[in-house]
Amino acid sequence: MASVLSYESLVHAVAGAVGSVTAMTVFFPLDTARLRLQVDEKRKSKTTHMVLLEIIREEGLLAPYRGWFPVISSLCCSNFVYFYTFNSLKAVWVKGQHSTTGKDLVVGFVAGVVNVLLTTPLWVVNTRLKLQGAKFRNEDIVPTNYKGIIDAFHQIIRDEGILSLWNGTFPSLLLVFNPAIQFMFYEGLKRQLLKKRMKLSSLDVFIIGAVAKAIATTVTYPMQTVQSILRFGRHRLNPENRTLGSLRNVLYLLHQRIRARGREQEREIDRNLDEREHQLATSCMPHTGDLAHNPGHVS
C-alpha cells in the first residue's frame, strides 16, 4: 500500500499530466482539425491547413481553441490516472527487481484499461463541448446546446442515460494497444541503428520515436475515428441498434466509412480521367493541324 501511495508515484503522475497538457496546448488547433475530419466526413477540405483556414473563416479566429479547458481538464485527469496507476503497479510488481520489456507492456496495458474505464465520461463530454457550435457539412449530425461541463453531464444522463457517458469504451480499450505497437517499432528501429553505431544521439532517439508514433497512429487510426464518432454520439446511426458503444455499431461505422471513402475515390478517379482525357484531346489538336499540313513530319 505504501508503494501505491508513495511520493514517487505522485511525482510521476503530476509530471506526466503537466507534460501532456503543455503538448496539447501547443498543438490544440491540429487536434481540432483532426476531430472535425473524423466526425464530419462530408467536409470537402481534407488537409489540415485547409480545414483550419475554413474553421477560422466561418467560426472566428479563436474557433480552433474552442473547448480547450474541458479537453485540458480531461487530459490532465487522464494522464494523472495513467501515470499514477502505471508507476504504482510497477512499484508493487517489480519491488526493486530489474524491470523487463514484458512487464512494462503488461503494466502499461493494465494502466491503460484502468484509465479508459475511469476517464471515458470526461472524454465524451469534452468531445461534445469541443464540437459545439461547429458548422458541420454532415446533415446527420444533431447539434448540442450545453452550458458547460456540469450541464453536459446532466443533459447526457437525462436524455441518453448514464451509460452513454461510456460511449466509445470498446474502441478506447482496443486503442490501449497503441503504445504497445509504438514501443515495439521503437525498440526494433533502435536495435537496427545500434547495429551500425555504438551510441544513439538525442536526435536519433527523437526521430525513431516520432517514426514509431507515426506508425502506431496510422495502424490504429480507423479505430480512433470510430472512437471520436461514438464519443460525440450525435450521429443518426443504424436504426436497428441505437446502442452507440456496441460492437455492432463499431463495425457499422467502419463499414460506412469504408464505403463512403470508396465512393469518394471512385469519383476522384473519374474526375482525374475526365481531366486527363480533356488534356489529351487538347494537346492533340495542334498536332492534327501540323500533320494535315506536313503529313511526312511527326513532331
C-alpha atoms as a PDB file:
ATOM      1  CA  MET A   1       0.000   0.000   0.000  1.00  0.00           C
ATOM      2  CA  ALA A   2       2.911   2.315   0.791  1.00  0.00           C
ATOM      3  CA  SER A   3       4.232   1.786  -2.752  1.00  0.00           C
ATOM      4  CA  VAL A   4       0.895   2.752  -4.259  1.00  0.00           C
ATOM      5  CA  LEU A   5       0.553   5.946  -2.196  1.00  0.00           C
ATOM      6  CA  SER A   6       4.218   6.915  -2.486  1.00  0.00           C
ATOM      7  CA  TYR A   7       5.623  10.374  -3.194  1.00  0.00           C
ATOM      8  CA  GLU A   8       7.460   8.996  -6.253  1.00  0.00           C
ATOM      9  CA  SER A   9       4.205   7.782  -7.856  1.00  0.00           C
ATOM     10  CA  LEU A  10       2.645  11.193  -7.230  1.00  0.00           C
ATOM     11  CA  VAL A  11       5.612  12.992  -8.846  1.00  0.00           C
ATOM     12  CA  HIS A  12       5.430  10.756 -11.940  1.00  0.00           C
ATOM     13  CA  ALA A  13       1.681  11.347 -12.206  1.00  0.00           C
ATOM     14  CA  VAL A  14       1.976  15.141 -11.927  1.00  0.00           C
ATOM     15  CA  ALA A  15       4.915  15.277 -14.359  1.00  0.00           C
ATOM     16  CA  GLY A  16       3.053  13.165 -16.914  1.00  0.00           C
ATOM     17  CA  ALA A  17      -0.058  15.307 -16.617  1.00  0.00           C
ATOM     18  CA  VAL A  18       1.826  18.618 -16.926  1.00  0.00           C
ATOM     19  CA  GLY A  19       3.831  17.401 -19.923  1.00  0.00           C
ATOM     20  CA  SER A  20       0.719  16.230 -21.751  1.00  0.00           C
ATOM     21  CA  VAL A  21      -1.153  19.458 -21.022  1.00  0.00           C
ATOM     22  CA  THR A  22       1.727  21.544 -22.392  1.00  0.00           C
ATOM     23  CA  ALA A  23       1.990  19.488 -25.581  1.00  0.00           C
ATOM     24  CA  MET A  24      -1.770  19.512 -26.164  1.00  0.00           C
ATOM     25  CA  THR A  25      -1.990  23.287 -25.680  1.00  0.00           C
ATOM     26  CA  VAL A  26       0.704  23.893 -28.304  1.00  0.00           C
ATOM     27  CA  PHE A  27      -0.859  21.548 -30.868  1.00  0.00           C
ATOM     28  CA  PHE A  28      -4.526  22.068 -29.953  1.00  0.00           C
ATOM     29  CA  PRO A  29      -5.541  23.584 -33.343  1.00  0.00           C
ATOM     30  CA  LEU A  30      -4.197  20.478 -35.099  1.00  0.00           C
ATOM     31  CA  ASP A  31      -6.264  18.288 -32.789  1.00  0.00           C
ATOM     32  CA  THR A  32      -9.319  20.413 -33.615  1.00  0.00           C
ATOM     33  CA  ALA A  33      -8.760  19.835 -37.331  1.00  0.00           C
ATOM     34  CA  ARG A  34      -8.284  16.100 -36.746  1.00  0.00           C
ATOM     35  CA  LEU A  35     -11.534  15.809 -34.812  1.00  0.00           C
ATOM     36  CA  ARG A  36     -13.510  17.737 -37.443  1.00  0.00           C
ATOM     37  CA  LEU A  37     -12.212  15.474 -40.204  1.00  0.00           C
ATOM     38  CA  GLN A  38     -13.028  12.338 -38.204  1.00  0.00           C
ATOM     39  CA  VAL A  39     -16.558  13.340 -37.223  1.00  0.00           C
ATOM     40  CA  ASP A  40     -17.668  15.338 -40.273  1.00  0.00           C
ATOM     41  CA  GLU A  41     -16.721  13.096 -43.197  1.00  0.00           C
ATOM     42  CA  LYS A  42     -18.643  15.229 -45.728  1.00  0.00           C
ATOM     43  CA  ARG A  43     -16.309  18.182 -45.275  1.00  0.00           C
ATOM     44  CA  LYS A  44     -14.703  18.909 -48.658  1.00  0.00           C
ATOM     45  CA  SER A  45     -11.436  20.250 -47.257  1.00  0.00           C
ATOM     46  CA  LYS A  46      -9.280  17.249 -46.424  1.00  0.00           C
ATOM     47  CA  THR A  47      -5.929  18.792 -45.485  1.00  0.00           C
ATOM     48  CA  THR A  48      -5.136  20.161 -42.037  1.00  0.00           C
ATOM     49  CA  HIS A  49      -4.275  23.716 -43.057  1.00  0.00           C
ATOM     50  CA  MET A  50      -7.354  23.993 -45.297  1.00  0.00           C
ATOM     51  CA  VAL A  51      -9.637  22.756 -42.504  1.00  0.00           C
ATOM     52  CA  LEU A  52      -8.109  25.241 -40.046  1.00  0.00           C
ATOM     53  CA  LEU A  53      -8.494  28.114 -42.504  1.00  0.00           C
ATOM     54  CA  GLU A  54     -12.099  27.065 -43.113  1.00  0.00           C
ATOM     55  CA  ILE A  55     -12.828  26.951 -39.364  1.00  0.00           C
ATOM     56  CA  ILE A  56     -11.275  30.391 -38.773  1.00  0.00           C
ATOM     57  CA  ARG A  57     -13.118  31.922 -41.736  1.00  0.00           C
ATOM     58  CA  GLU A  58     -16.531  30.522 -40.754  1.00  0.00           C
ATOM     59  CA  GLU A  59     -16.363  30.478 -36.943  1.00  0.00           C
ATOM     60  CA  GLY A  60     -13.772  33.053 -35.889  1.00  0.00           C
ATOM     61  CA  LEU A  61     -10.076  33.295 -35.054  1.00  0.00           C
ATOM     62  CA  LEU A  62     -10.388  31.538 -31.679  1.00  0.00           C
ATOM     63  CA  ALA A  63     -12.542  28.668 -33.000  1.00  0.00           C
ATOM     64  CA  PRO A  64      -9.585  26.225 -33.280  1.00  0.00           C
ATOM     65  CA  TYR A  65      -9.187  26.602 -29.499  1.00  0.00           C
ATOM     66  CA  ARG A  66     -12.867  26.006 -28.716  1.00  0.00           C
ATOM     67  CA  GLY A  67     -13.243  23.508 -25.870  1.00  0.00           C
ATOM     68  CA  TRP A  68      -9.663  23.962 -24.670  1.00  0.00           C
ATOM     69  CA  PHE A  69     -10.474  23.940 -20.956  1.00  0.00           C
ATOM     70  CA  PRO A  70     -12.605  20.747 -20.869  1.00  0.00           C
ATOM     71  CA  VAL A  71     -10.079  18.942 -23.082  1.00  0.00           C
ATOM     72  CA  ILE A  72      -7.133  20.040 -20.946  1.00  0.00           C
ATOM     73  CA  SER A  73      -9.022  19.095 -17.766  1.00  0.00           C
ATOM     74  CA  SER A  74      -9.771  15.635 -19.157  1.00  0.00           C
ATOM     75  CA  LEU A  75      -6.213  15.197 -20.400  1.00  0.00           C
ATOM     76  CA  CYS A  76      -4.788  16.227 -17.051  1.00  0.00           C
ATOM     77  CA  CYS A  77      -7.027  13.769 -15.171  1.00  0.00           C
ATOM     78  CA  SER A  78      -6.449  11.014 -17.723  1.00  0.00           C
ATOM     79  CA  ASN A  79      -2.667  11.241 -17.671  1.00  0.00           C
ATOM     80  CA  PHE A  80      -2.604  11.570 -13.893  1.00  0.00           C
ATOM     81  CA  VAL A  81      -4.626   8.350 -13.594  1.00  0.00           C
ATOM     82  CA  TYR A  82      -2.467   6.550 -16.173  1.00  0.00           C
ATOM     83  CA  PHE A  83       0.948   7.507 -14.790  1.00  0.00           C
ATOM     84  CA  TYR A  84      -0.115   7.040 -11.171  1.00  0.00           C
ATOM     85  CA  THR A  85      -1.539   3.588 -11.915  1.00  0.00           C
ATOM     86  CA  PHE A  86       1.466   2.617 -14.063  1.00  0.00           C
ATOM     87  CA  ASN A  87       4.098   3.590 -11.505  1.00  0.00           C
ATOM     88  CA  SER A  88       2.117   2.199  -8.572  1.00  0.00           C
ATOM     89  CA  LEU A  89       1.628  -1.187 -10.257  1.00  0.00           C
ATOM     90  CA  LYS A  90       5.261  -1.225 -11.328  1.00  0.00           C
ATOM     91  CA  ALA A  91       6.411  -0.471  -7.777  1.00  0.00           C
ATOM     92  CA  VAL A  92       4.224  -3.259  -6.365  1.00  0.00           C
ATOM     93  CA  TRP A  93       5.115  -5.857  -9.009  1.00  0.00           C
ATOM     94  CA  VAL A  94       8.815  -5.207  -9.566  1.00  0.00           C
ATOM     95  CA  LYS A  95       9.721  -4.414  -5.931  1.00  0.00           C
ATOM     96  CA  GLY A  96      13.341  -3.438  -6.575  1.00  0.00           C
ATOM     97  CA  GLN A  97      13.943  -6.134  -9.199  1.00  0.00           C
ATOM     98  CA  HIS A  98      15.092  -5.435 -12.738  1.00  0.00           C
ATOM     99  CA  SER A  99      12.128  -4.424 -14.893  1.00  0.00           C
ATOM    100  CA  THR A 100      11.696  -6.173 -18.257  1.00  0.00           C
ATOM    101  CA  THR A 101      10.029  -5.117 -21.508  1.00  0.00           C
ATOM    102  CA  GLY A 102       7.308  -7.713 -20.996  1.00  0.00           C
ATOM    103  CA  LYS A 103       6.486  -6.425 -17.522  1.00  0.00           C
ATOM    104  CA  ASP A 104       6.402  -2.827 -18.732  1.00  0.00           C
ATOM    105  CA  LEU A 105       3.977  -3.775 -21.522  1.00  0.00           C
ATOM    106  CA  VAL A 106       1.664  -5.654 -19.145  1.00  0.00           C
ATOM    107  CA  VAL A 107       1.693  -2.849 -16.571  1.00  0.00           C
ATOM    108  CA  GLY A 108       1.140  -0.279 -19.313  1.00  0.00           C
ATOM    109  CA  PHE A 109      -1.815  -2.240 -20.676  1.00  0.00           C
ATOM    110  CA  VAL A 110      -3.461  -2.582 -17.238  1.00  0.00           C
ATOM    111  CA  ALA A 111      -2.889   1.113 -16.506  1.00  0.00           C
ATOM    112  CA  GLY A 112      -4.446   1.954 -19.873  1.00  0.00           C
ATOM    113  CA  VAL A 113      -7.543  -0.131 -19.154  1.00  0.00           C
ATOM    114  CA  VAL A 114      -7.984   1.495 -15.728  1.00  0.00           C
ATOM    115  CA  ASN A 115      -7.573   4.908 -17.323  1.00  0.00           C
ATOM    116  CA  VAL A 116     -10.195   4.195 -20.026  1.00  0.00           C
ATOM    117  CA  LEU A 117     -12.787   2.901 -17.569  1.00  0.00           C
ATOM    118  CA  LEU A 118     -12.362   5.835 -15.175  1.00  0.00           C
ATOM    119  CA  THR A 119     -11.990   8.778 -17.567  1.00  0.00           C
ATOM    120  CA  THR A 120     -14.137   7.935 -20.632  1.00  0.00           C
ATOM    121  CA  PRO A 121     -17.074  10.063 -19.302  1.00  0.00           C
ATOM    122  CA  LEU A 122     -14.768  13.102 -19.252  1.00  0.00           C
ATOM    123  CA  TRP A 123     -13.714  12.489 -22.865  1.00  0.00           C
ATOM    124  CA  VAL A 124     -17.315  12.047 -24.015  1.00  0.00           C
ATOM    125  CA  VAL A 125     -18.246  15.415 -22.505  1.00  0.00           C
ATOM    126  CA  ASN A 126     -15.178  17.294 -23.752  1.00  0.00           C
ATOM    127  CA  THR A 127     -15.590  15.915 -27.290  1.00  0.00           C
ATOM    128  CA  ARG A 128     -19.134  17.279 -27.436  1.00  0.00           C
ATOM    129  CA  LEU A 129     -18.144  20.643 -25.956  1.00  0.00           C
ATOM    130  CA  LYS A 130     -15.251  20.950 -28.387  1.00  0.00           C
ATOM    131  CA  LEU A 131     -17.558  20.369 -31.363  1.00  0.00           C
ATOM    132  CA  GLN A 132     -20.417  22.513 -30.058  1.00  0.00           C
ATOM    133  CA  GLY A 133     -21.106  25.415 -32.397  1.00  0.00           C
ATOM    134  CA  ALA A 134     -19.169  23.866 -35.268  1.00  0.00           C
ATOM    135  CA  LYS A 135     -20.550  24.312 -38.785  1.00  0.00           C
ATOM    136  CA  PHE A 136     -20.949  20.724 -39.957  1.00  0.00           C
ATOM    137  CA  ARG A 137     -21.416  19.577 -43.552  1.00  0.00           C
ATOM    138  CA  ASN A 138     -22.973  16.277 -42.478  1.00  0.00           C
ATOM    139  CA  GLU A 139     -26.763  16.663 -42.124  1.00  0.00           C
ATOM    140  CA  ASP A 140     -26.940  13.507 -39.973  1.00  0.00           C
ATOM    141  CA  ILE A 141     -25.261  15.307 -37.057  1.00  0.00           C
ATOM    142  CA  VAL A 142     -27.601  16.566 -34.324  1.00  0.00           C
ATOM    143  CA  PRO A 143     -26.296  19.828 -32.731  1.00  0.00           C
ATOM    144  CA  THR A 144     -25.777  20.197 -28.971  1.00  0.00           C
ATOM    145  CA  ASN A 145     -26.513  23.053 -26.572  1.00  0.00           C
ATOM    146  CA  TYR A 146     -24.523  22.635 -23.366  1.00  0.00           C
ATOM    147  CA  LYS A 147     -23.734  25.497 -20.971  1.00  0.00           C
ATOM    148  CA  GLY A 148     -20.621  23.851 -19.569  1.00  0.00           C
ATOM    149  CA  ILE A 149     -19.105  20.615 -18.276  1.00  0.00           C
ATOM    150  CA  ILE A 150     -21.652  20.062 -15.478  1.00  0.00           C
ATOM    151  CA  ASP A 151     -24.610  20.877 -17.731  1.00  0.00           C
ATOM    152  CA  ALA A 152     -23.263  18.493 -20.383  1.00  0.00           C
ATOM    153  CA  PHE A 153     -23.094  15.674 -17.826  1.00  0.00           C
ATOM    154  CA  HIS A 154     -26.640  16.493 -16.683  1.00  0.00           C
ATOM    155  CA  GLN A 155     -28.145  16.591 -20.189  1.00  0.00           C
ATOM    156  CA  ILE A 156     -26.417  13.404 -21.356  1.00  0.00           C
ATOM    157  CA  ILE A 157     -27.580  11.436 -18.303  1.00  0.00           C
ATOM    158  CA  ARG A 158     -31.111  12.879 -18.551  1.00  0.00           C
ATOM    159  CA  ASP A 159     -31.615  12.433 -22.300  1.00  0.00           C
ATOM    160  CA  GLU A 160     -29.456   9.413 -23.161  1.00  0.00           C
ATOM    161  CA  GLY A 161     -28.889   7.527 -19.927  1.00  0.00           C
ATOM    162  CA  ILE A 162     -25.841   7.244 -17.694  1.00  0.00           C
ATOM    163  CA  LEU A 163     -24.260   4.509 -19.831  1.00  0.00           C
ATOM    164  CA  SER A 164     -23.950   6.996 -22.706  1.00  0.00           C
ATOM    165  CA  LEU A 165     -21.106   8.579 -20.741  1.00  0.00           C
ATOM    166  CA  TRP A 166     -19.099   5.466 -21.619  1.00  0.00           C
ATOM    167  CA  ASN A 167     -19.733   5.710 -25.373  1.00  0.00           C
ATOM    168  CA  GLY A 168     -16.607   4.676 -27.247  1.00  0.00           C
ATOM    169  CA  THR A 169     -15.276   2.469 -24.445  1.00  0.00           C
ATOM    170  CA  PHE A 170     -14.806  -0.536 -26.741  1.00  0.00           C
ATOM    171  CA  PRO A 171     -12.565   1.201 -29.317  1.00  0.00           C
ATOM    172  CA  SER A 172     -10.799   3.001 -26.456  1.00  0.00           C
ATOM    173  CA  LEU A 173      -9.904  -0.355 -24.902  1.00  0.00           C
ATOM    174  CA  LEU A 174      -8.593  -1.570 -28.252  1.00  0.00           C
ATOM    175  CA  LEU A 175      -6.531   1.612 -28.562  1.00  0.00           C
ATOM    176  CA  VAL A 176      -4.730   0.708 -25.344  1.00  0.00           C
ATOM    177  CA  PHE A 177      -2.572  -1.401 -27.678  1.00  0.00           C
ATOM    178  CA  ASN A 178      -1.391   1.791 -29.427  1.00  0.00           C
ATOM    179  CA  PRO A 179       1.532   2.378 -27.024  1.00  0.00           C
ATOM    180  CA  ALA A 180       2.456  -1.312 -27.292  1.00  0.00           C
ATOM    181  CA  ILE A 181       2.657  -1.024 -31.090  1.00  0.00           C
ATOM    182  CA  GLN A 182       4.666   2.182 -30.750  1.00  0.00           C
ATOM    183  CA  PHE A 183       7.036   0.574 -28.247  1.00  0.00           C
ATOM    184  CA  MET A 184       7.531  -2.487 -30.481  1.00  0.00           C
ATOM    185  CA  PHE A 185       8.522  -0.392 -33.514  1.00  0.00           C
ATOM    186  CA  TYR A 186      10.642   1.926 -31.368  1.00  0.00           C
ATOM    187  CA  GLU A 187      12.698  -0.948 -29.972  1.00  0.00           C
ATOM    188  CA  GLY A 188      13.011  -2.556 -33.419  1.00  0.00           C
ATOM    189  CA  LEU A 189      14.262   0.644 -35.052  1.00  0.00           C
ATOM    190  CA  LYS A 190      16.640   1.270 -32.163  1.00  0.00           C
ATOM    191  CA  ARG A 191      18.156  -2.203 -32.493  1.00  0.00           C
ATOM    192  CA  GLN A 192      18.687  -1.676 -36.236  1.00  0.00           C
ATOM    193  CA  LEU A 193      20.507   1.618 -35.629  1.00  0.00           C
ATOM    194  CA  LEU A 194      22.647   0.162 -32.832  1.00  0.00           C
ATOM    195  CA  LYS A 195      23.955  -2.447 -35.272  1.00  0.00           C
ATOM    196  CA  LYS A 196      25.594   0.383 -37.228  1.00  0.00           C
ATOM    197  CA  ARG A 197      26.791   2.616 -34.386  1.00  0.00           C
ATOM    198  CA  MET A 198      27.814   2.304 -30.750  1.00  0.00           C
ATOM    199  CA  LYS A 199      25.581   5.010 -29.313  1.00  0.00           C
ATOM    200  CA  LEU A 200      22.437   6.879 -30.326  1.00  0.00           C
ATOM    201  CA  SER A 201      22.265  10.654 -30.210  1.00  0.00           C
ATOM    202  CA  SER A 202      19.319  12.630 -28.855  1.00  0.00           C
ATOM    203  CA  LEU A 203      18.296  13.389 -32.441  1.00  0.00           C
ATOM    204  CA  ASP A 204      18.345   9.668 -33.308  1.00  0.00           C
ATOM    205  CA  VAL A 205      16.107   8.869 -30.350  1.00  0.00           C
ATOM    206  CA  PHE A 206      13.740  11.706 -31.276  1.00  0.00           C
ATOM    207  CA  ILE A 207      13.475  10.572 -34.909  1.00  0.00           C
ATOM    208  CA  ILE A 208      12.865   6.880 -34.195  1.00  0.00           C
ATOM    209  CA  GLY A 209      10.352   7.868 -31.513  1.00  0.00           C
ATOM    210  CA  ALA A 210       8.490  10.066 -33.991  1.00  0.00           C
ATOM    211  CA  VAL A 211       8.555   7.341 -36.671  1.00  0.00           C
ATOM    212  CA  ALA A 212       7.299   4.714 -34.214  1.00  0.00           C
ATOM    213  CA  LYS A 213       4.498   7.028 -33.076  1.00  0.00           C
ATOM    214  CA  ALA A 214       3.523   7.762 -36.685  1.00  0.00           C
ATOM    215  CA  ILE A 215       3.345   4.038 -37.496  1.00  0.00           C
ATOM    216  CA  ALA A 216       1.277   3.243 -34.396  1.00  0.00           C
ATOM    217  CA  THR A 217      -1.102   6.128 -35.118  1.00  0.00           C
ATOM    218  CA  THR A 218      -1.518   5.091 -38.757  1.00  0.00           C
ATOM    219  CA  VAL A 219      -2.257   1.470 -37.834  1.00  0.00           C
ATOM    220  CA  THR A 220      -4.890   2.404 -35.248  1.00  0.00           C
ATOM    221  CA  TYR A 221      -6.330   5.496 -36.973  1.00  0.00           C
ATOM    222  CA  PRO A 222      -9.578   3.840 -38.206  1.00  0.00           C
ATOM    223  CA  MET A 223     -10.372   2.853 -34.625  1.00  0.00           C
ATOM    224  CA  GLN A 224      -9.532   6.382 -33.439  1.00  0.00           C
ATOM    225  CA  THR A 225     -12.067   7.717 -35.943  1.00  0.00           C
ATOM    226  CA  VAL A 226     -14.762   5.380 -34.622  1.00  0.00           C
ATOM    227  CA  GLN A 227     -13.831   6.362 -31.062  1.00  0.00           C
ATOM    228  CA  SER A 228     -14.353  10.054 -31.864  1.00  0.00           C
ATOM    229  CA  ILE A 229     -17.718   9.423 -33.548  1.00  0.00           C
ATOM    230  CA  LEU A 230     -19.007   7.300 -30.665  1.00  0.00           C
ATOM    231  CA  ARG A 231     -17.859   9.816 -28.058  1.00  0.00           C
ATOM    232  CA  PHE A 232     -19.550  12.619 -29.969  1.00  0.00           C
ATOM    233  CA  GLY A 233     -22.666  10.462 -30.151  1.00  0.00           C
ATOM    234  CA  ARG A 234     -24.690  12.928 -32.243  1.00  0.00           C
ATOM    235  CA  HIS A 235     -24.865  10.935 -35.484  1.00  0.00           C
ATOM    236  CA  ARG A 236     -28.086   9.274 -36.572  1.00  0.00           C
ATOM    237  CA  LEU A 237     -26.744   5.746 -36.643  1.00  0.00           C
ATOM    238  CA  ASN A 238     -28.047   2.319 -37.536  1.00  0.00           C
ATOM    239  CA  PRO A 239     -31.795   2.477 -36.752  1.00  0.00           C
ATOM    240  CA  GLU A 240     -31.798  -1.223 -35.863  1.00  0.00           C
ATOM    241  CA  ASN A 241     -29.407  -0.675 -32.974  1.00  0.00           C
ATOM    242  CA  ARG A 242     -29.194   2.620 -31.081  1.00  0.00           C
ATOM    243  CA  THR A 243     -26.574   1.485 -28.540  1.00  0.00           C
ATOM    244  CA  LEU A 244     -23.697   3.707 -29.617  1.00  0.00           C
ATOM    245  CA  GLY A 245     -20.975   1.846 -27.780  1.00  0.00           C
ATOM    246  CA  SER A 246     -21.891  -1.611 -29.050  1.00  0.00           C
ATOM    247  CA  LEU A 247     -19.630  -3.790 -31.173  1.00  0.00           C
ATOM    248  CA  ARG A 248     -22.325  -3.884 -33.840  1.00  0.00           C
ATOM    249  CA  ASN A 249     -22.286  -0.115 -34.282  1.00  0.00           C
ATOM    250  CA  VAL A 250     -18.489  -0.007 -34.264  1.00  0.00           C
ATOM    251  CA  LEU A 251     -18.492  -2.423 -37.207  1.00  0.00           C
ATOM    252  CA  TYR A 252     -21.368  -0.499 -38.820  1.00  0.00           C
ATOM    253  CA  LEU A 253     -19.461   2.787 -38.609  1.00  0.00           C
ATOM    254  CA  LEU A 254     -16.305   1.253 -40.036  1.00  0.00           C
ATOM    255  CA  HIS A 255     -18.313  -0.263 -42.904  1.00  0.00           C
ATOM    256  CA  GLN A 256     -19.997   3.069 -43.657  1.00  0.00           C
ATOM    257  CA  ARG A 257     -16.685   4.940 -43.644  1.00  0.00           C
ATOM    258  CA  ILE A 258     -15.026   2.406 -45.953  1.00  0.00           C
ATOM    259  CA  ARG A 259     -17.958   2.553 -48.395  1.00  0.00           C
ATOM    260  CA  ALA A 260     -18.001   6.356 -48.351  1.00  0.00           C
ATOM    261  CA  ARG A 261     -14.246   6.501 -48.872  1.00  0.00           C
ATOM    262  CA  GLY A 262     -14.513   4.017 -51.742  1.00  0.00           C
ATOM    263  CA  ARG A 263     -17.195   6.099 -53.481  1.00  0.00           C
ATOM    264  CA  GLU A 264     -15.129   9.254 -52.966  1.00  0.00           C
ATOM    265  CA  GLN A 265     -12.067   7.621 -54.505  1.00  0.00           C
ATOM    266  CA  GLU A 266     -14.130   6.412 -57.471  1.00  0.00           C
ATOM    267  CA  ARG A 267     -15.388   9.967 -58.062  1.00  0.00           C
ATOM    268  CA  GLU A 268     -11.841  11.300 -57.763  1.00  0.00           C
ATOM    269  CA  ILE A 269     -10.596   8.750 -60.303  1.00  0.00           C
ATOM    270  CA  ASP A 270     -13.433   9.679 -62.682  1.00  0.00           C
ATOM    271  CA  ARG A 271     -12.589  13.385 -62.322  1.00  0.00           C
ATOM    272  CA  ASN A 272      -8.906  12.705 -62.948  1.00  0.00           C
ATOM    273  CA  LEU A 273      -9.726  10.592 -66.015  1.00  0.00           C
ATOM    274  CA  ASP A 274     -12.003  13.304 -67.402  1.00  0.00           C
ATOM    275  CA  GLU A 275      -9.311  15.925 -66.867  1.00  0.00           C
ATOM    276  CA  ARG A 276      -6.681  13.681 -68.438  1.00  0.00           C
ATOM    277  CA  GLU A 277      -8.876  12.946 -71.470  1.00  0.00           C
ATOM    278  CA  HIS A 278      -9.536  16.670 -71.885  1.00  0.00           C
ATOM    279  CA  GLN A 279      -5.808  17.416 -71.688  1.00  0.00           C
ATOM    280  CA  LEU A 280      -5.009  14.708 -74.241  1.00  0.00           C
ATOM    281  CA  ALA A 281      -7.724  15.924 -76.597  1.00  0.00           C
ATOM    282  CA  THR A 282      -6.490  19.499 -76.291  1.00  0.00           C
ATOM    283  CA  SER A 283      -2.854  18.547 -76.776  1.00  0.00           C
ATOM    284  CA  CYS A 284      -3.687  16.519 -79.883  1.00  0.00           C
ATOM    285  CA  MET A 285      -5.425  19.421 -81.646  1.00  0.00           C
ATOM    286  CA  PRO A 286      -2.310  21.318 -82.814  1.00  0.00           C
ATOM    287  CA  HIS A 287      -0.620  18.077 -83.831  1.00  0.00           C
ATOM    288  CA  THR A 288      -3.631  17.217 -86.004  1.00  0.00           C
ATOM    289  CA  GLY A 289      -3.209  20.517 -87.828  1.00  0.00           C
ATOM    290  CA  ASP A 290       0.531  20.003 -88.234  1.00  0.00           C
ATOM    291  CA  LEU A 291       0.065  16.530 -89.647  1.00  0.00           C
ATOM    292  CA  ALA A 292      -2.550  17.796 -92.094  1.00  0.00           C
ATOM    293  CA  HIS A 293      -0.100  20.319 -93.496  1.00  0.00           C
ATOM    294  CA  ASN A 294       3.035  18.184 -93.106  1.00  0.00           C
ATOM    295  CA  PRO A 295       1.985  14.531 -93.424  1.00  0.00           C
ATOM    296  CA  GLY A 296       5.575  13.339 -93.528  1.00  0.00           C
ATOM    297  CA  HIS A 297       6.600  15.055 -90.273  1.00  0.00           C
ATOM    298  CA  VAL A 298       5.761  13.747 -86.841  1.00  0.00           C
ATOM    299  CA  SER A 299       6.698  16.142 -84.028  1.00  0.00           C
END
